[in-house]
């Protein structure tokens, strides 16, 4: 993964595990892979949108913490 665009300007990346921002393709803090922090370009003809939304919803359900019961 290149850390520069075709114009030679550095590109911002974010670590997928610890969410640290960096200019390189790997995280300096944990060594994990870093990707673009920007969402994909919207297209009304996106054939895979329902699958991506299902994965996001499933991921959010796994990461939510149940609220403590009210007394």
Foldseek 3Di string as FASTA:
>chain_A
DDQADPVRDGAWWAFPPPRDIDSGQADPPPRGGTHHPDDDDDDPPDPCVVVVVVVVVVVVVVPDDDDDDDD
